[in-house]
Amino acid sequence: WSYLLFFGFGPFLIAAVYGIYTFLRHEADTISLQLATLLLISAGLAFTFMATTQGMIRGQYREQVAGLEDGPERDALRNTMRSVDSTQQGLDMAFDIFISTGTALLGISLARRRWFGWWFTVPAIVIGAGGLFLNAASFPTVNASDAGYFDPGPFYGVFFAVVLAQLIHIGLREFRPGLTEALSGE
């Protein structure tokens, strides 16, 4: 189950971003919304590439090192794994760049919207810029949390959960009569 959840995050992000875009474009299809959508979909793709690459590299390493005792062969394999693992770390940085800039641009696109406004813009810009700074400061050796900084990931999760909750609230408040009729078949 953990692999399914891990690998499913990228496609789920893509679907959620497309849903957010589809909802928000009716009020105003701005350049910042379009760019945010492209960057956040790219983040979902980058995450999927990173996750599958990471899973393959680490799975192969565990399989190859399983029968080896401590010694030069195991040390050489460990050093090779560290070098090869940098590929997935590079993909992780690509994800960080896309999610950070996309989140900041989504925040900008929410600034003048009736149901969102600056209460969503400021946190999105702070989270996006902060996440980009923390990850760039620790690049290329490690990610932000391994460098001793806090992990900005949960802040993205909370922001998008609040945006999705607000969209559900808007949908129920604004479209409840239409939803009720559609569901009842009238």
Protein backbone atom coordinates (compact mmCIF):
# COMPACT_ATOMS: atom_id res chain seq x y z
CA TRP A 1 0.00 0.00 0.00
CA SER A 2 2.82 2.40 0.76
CA TYR A 3 4.15 2.06 -2.80
CA LEU A 4 0.68 2.69 -4.24
CA LEU A 5 0.29 5.84 -2.15
CA PHE A 6 3.81 7.01 -2.94
CA PHE A 7 3.48 6.39 -6.67
CA GLY A 8 -0.08 7.74 -6.72
CA PHE A 9 0.89 11.16 -5.36
CA GLY A 10 2.05 12.51 -8.75
CA PRO A 11 -1.06 11.47 -10.70
CA PHE A 12 -3.28 12.67 -7.83
CA LEU A 13 -1.51 16.05 -7.88
CA ILE A 14 -2.04 16.32 -11.64
CA ALA A 15 -5.76 15.49 -11.30
CA ALA A 16 -6.23 17.90 -8.38
CA VAL A 17 -4.47 20.74 -10.19
CA TYR A 18 -6.55 20.18 -13.30
CA GLY A 19 -9.69 20.25 -11.15
CA ILE A 20 -8.59 23.48 -9.47
CA TYR A 21 -7.87 25.02 -12.88
CA THR A 22 -11.21 23.88 -14.32
CA PHE A 23 -13.07 25.46 -11.42
CA LEU A 24 -11.10 28.73 -11.26
CA ARG A 25 -10.88 29.47 -14.98
CA HIS A 26 -14.60 30.25 -15.15
CA GLU A 27 -14.13 33.35 -12.99
CA ALA A 28 -10.90 34.50 -14.68
CA ASP A 29 -8.53 32.47 -16.83
CA THR A 30 -5.42 34.51 -16.03
CA ILE A 31 -1.85 33.97 -17.21
CA SER A 32 -0.79 33.28 -13.61
CA LEU A 33 -3.45 30.55 -13.30
CA GLN A 34 -2.41 28.98 -16.60
CA LEU A 35 1.30 29.05 -15.71
CA ALA A 36 0.58 27.71 -12.21
CA THR A 37 -1.39 24.85 -13.76
CA LEU A 38 1.42 23.98 -16.18
CA LEU A 39 4.08 24.13 -13.45
CA LEU A 40 2.03 22.12 -10.94
CA ILE A 41 1.22 19.45 -13.54
CA SER A 42 4.96 19.36 -14.30
CA ALA A 43 5.53 18.89 -10.55
CA GLY A 44 3.24 15.86 -10.61
CA LEU A 45 5.17 14.42 -13.55
CA ALA A 46 8.55 15.15 -11.94
CA PHE A 47 7.41 13.51 -8.70
CA THR A 48 6.28 10.40 -10.56
CA PHE A 49 9.62 10.19 -12.41
CA MET A 50 11.49 10.74 -9.13
CA ALA A 51 9.44 8.18 -7.20
CA THR A 52 9.78 5.42 -9.77
CA THR A 53 13.49 6.12 -10.26
CA GLN A 54 14.05 6.13 -6.50
CA GLY A 55 12.12 2.89 -6.05
CA MET A 56 14.06 1.15 -8.82
CA ILE A 57 17.49 2.34 -7.64
CA ARG A 58 16.91 1.46 -4.01
CA GLY A 59 15.25 -1.86 -4.83
CA GLN A 60 18.17 -2.91 -7.03
CA TYR A 61 20.65 -1.86 -4.36
CA ARG A 62 18.90 -3.86 -1.62
CA GLU A 63 18.79 -6.90 -3.89
CA GLN A 64 22.48 -6.69 -4.81
CA VAL A 65 23.78 -6.00 -1.29
CA ALA A 66 21.60 -8.64 0.39
CA GLY A 67 24.12 -11.48 0.24
CA LEU A 68 27.27 -9.46 0.77
CA GLU A 69 29.20 -9.27 4.00
CA ASP A 70 30.98 -6.10 5.10
CA GLY A 71 34.07 -5.57 3.02
CA PRO A 72 35.42 -3.85 -0.09
CA GLU A 73 32.77 -5.24 -2.43
CA ARG A 74 29.92 -4.00 -0.24
CA ASP A 75 31.66 -0.61 0.21
CA ALA A 76 32.12 -0.26 -3.56
CA LEU A 77 28.47 -1.10 -4.14
CA ARG A 78 27.42 1.40 -1.45
CA ASN A 79 29.51 4.14 -3.10
CA THR A 80 28.08 3.30 -6.52
CA MET A 81 24.56 3.45 -5.09
CA ARG A 82 25.18 6.90 -3.63
CA SER A 83 26.35 8.14 -7.00
CA VAL A 84 23.45 6.60 -8.92
CA ASP A 85 20.97 7.81 -6.27
CA SER A 86 21.88 11.38 -7.20
CA THR A 87 19.74 10.90 -10.33
CA GLN A 88 16.55 10.64 -8.30
CA GLN A 89 17.74 13.51 -6.08
CA GLY A 90 18.04 15.68 -9.20
CA LEU A 91 14.49 14.72 -10.17
CA ASP A 92 13.41 15.59 -6.62
CA MET A 93 14.92 19.06 -7.06
CA ALA A 94 13.02 19.45 -10.36
CA PHE A 95 9.84 18.58 -8.43
CA ASP A 96 10.74 21.18 -5.77
CA ILE A 97 11.25 23.87 -8.42
CA PHE A 98 7.95 23.14 -10.16
CA ILE A 99 5.87 22.83 -6.97
CA SER A 100 7.39 25.98 -5.46
CA THR A 101 6.94 28.26 -8.47
CA GLY A 102 3.55 26.76 -9.30
CA THR A 103 2.27 27.28 -5.75
CA ALA A 104 3.43 30.91 -5.71
CA LEU A 105 1.78 31.58 -9.09
CA LEU A 106 -1.42 29.87 -7.97
CA GLY A 107 -1.42 32.16 -4.96
CA ILE A 108 -1.03 35.20 -7.21
CA SER A 109 -3.95 34.00 -9.33
CA LEU A 110 -6.12 33.73 -6.19
CA ALA A 111 -5.46 37.34 -5.07
CA ARG A 112 -8.55 38.98 -6.55
CA ARG A 113 -10.92 36.05 -6.60
CA ARG A 114 -14.17 36.41 -4.74
CA TRP A 115 -13.83 33.31 -2.57
CA PHE A 116 -10.07 33.42 -1.98
CA GLY A 117 -8.22 36.75 -1.95
CA TRP A 118 -5.06 37.73 -0.16
CA TRP A 119 -5.68 35.23 2.65
CA PHE A 120 -4.62 32.57 0.16
CA THR A 121 -2.11 34.62 -1.84
CA VAL A 122 0.30 35.53 0.95
CA PRO A 123 0.69 31.99 2.35
CA ALA A 124 1.10 30.56 -1.17
CA ILE A 125 3.88 33.00 -2.02
CA VAL A 126 5.61 32.47 1.35
CA ILE A 127 5.38 28.68 1.04
CA GLY A 128 6.51 28.67 -2.60
CA ALA A 129 9.40 31.12 -2.14
CA GLY A 130 10.42 29.58 1.19
CA GLY A 131 10.36 26.05 -0.19
CA LEU A 132 12.39 27.06 -3.23
CA PHE A 133 14.94 28.88 -1.06
CA LEU A 134 15.34 26.01 1.43
CA ASN A 135 15.75 23.40 -1.29
CA ALA A 136 18.12 25.57 -3.36
CA ALA A 137 20.23 26.33 -0.27
CA SER A 138 20.85 22.63 0.33
CA PHE A 139 21.26 21.65 -3.34
CA PRO A 140 23.10 19.66 -4.76
CA THR A 141 24.28 17.61 -1.82
CA VAL A 142 21.05 16.87 0.08
CA ASN A 143 17.44 17.97 0.36
CA ALA A 144 16.29 20.65 2.81
CA SER A 145 15.40 18.33 5.71
CA ASP A 146 18.69 16.40 5.44
CA ALA A 147 20.60 19.72 5.52
CA GLY A 148 19.10 20.55 8.90
CA TYR A 149 16.37 22.87 7.59
CA PHE A 150 12.74 22.04 8.13
CA ASP A 151 10.94 20.14 5.40
CA PRO A 152 8.64 22.52 3.49
CA GLY A 153 6.60 19.60 2.09
CA PRO A 154 3.88 19.56 4.76
CA PHE A 155 3.22 23.27 4.18
CA TYR A 156 2.41 22.57 0.52
CA GLY A 157 0.10 19.78 1.62
CA VAL A 158 -1.77 21.99 4.09
CA PHE A 159 -2.08 24.81 1.55
CA PHE A 160 -3.53 22.54 -1.14
CA ALA A 161 -5.84 20.82 1.37
CA VAL A 162 -7.21 24.25 2.38
CA VAL A 163 -7.65 25.27 -1.29
CA LEU A 164 -9.48 22.03 -2.07
CA ALA A 165 -11.64 22.38 1.07
CA GLN A 166 -12.52 25.94 0.01
CA LEU A 167 -13.44 24.72 -3.49
CA ILE A 168 -15.71 22.04 -1.99
CA HIS A 169 -17.28 24.68 0.28
CA ILE A 170 -17.87 26.97 -2.70
CA GLY A 171 -19.31 24.13 -4.74
CA LEU A 172 -21.72 23.10 -2.01
CA ARG A 173 -22.76 26.67 -1.26
CA GLU A 174 -23.10 27.94 -4.82
CA PHE A 175 -24.15 24.86 -6.71
CA ARG A 176 -26.11 22.79 -4.19
CA PRO A 177 -29.51 23.19 -5.93
CA GLY A 178 -28.03 22.11 -9.26
CA LEU A 179 -26.19 19.23 -7.64
CA THR A 180 -29.30 18.05 -5.84
CA GLU A 181 -31.31 18.09 -9.09
CA ALA A 182 -28.54 16.37 -11.03
CA LEU A 183 -28.20 13.62 -8.44
CA SER A 184 -31.94 13.05 -8.13
CA GLY A 185 -32.42 12.90 -11.92
CA GLU A 186 -34.94 15.76 -12.04
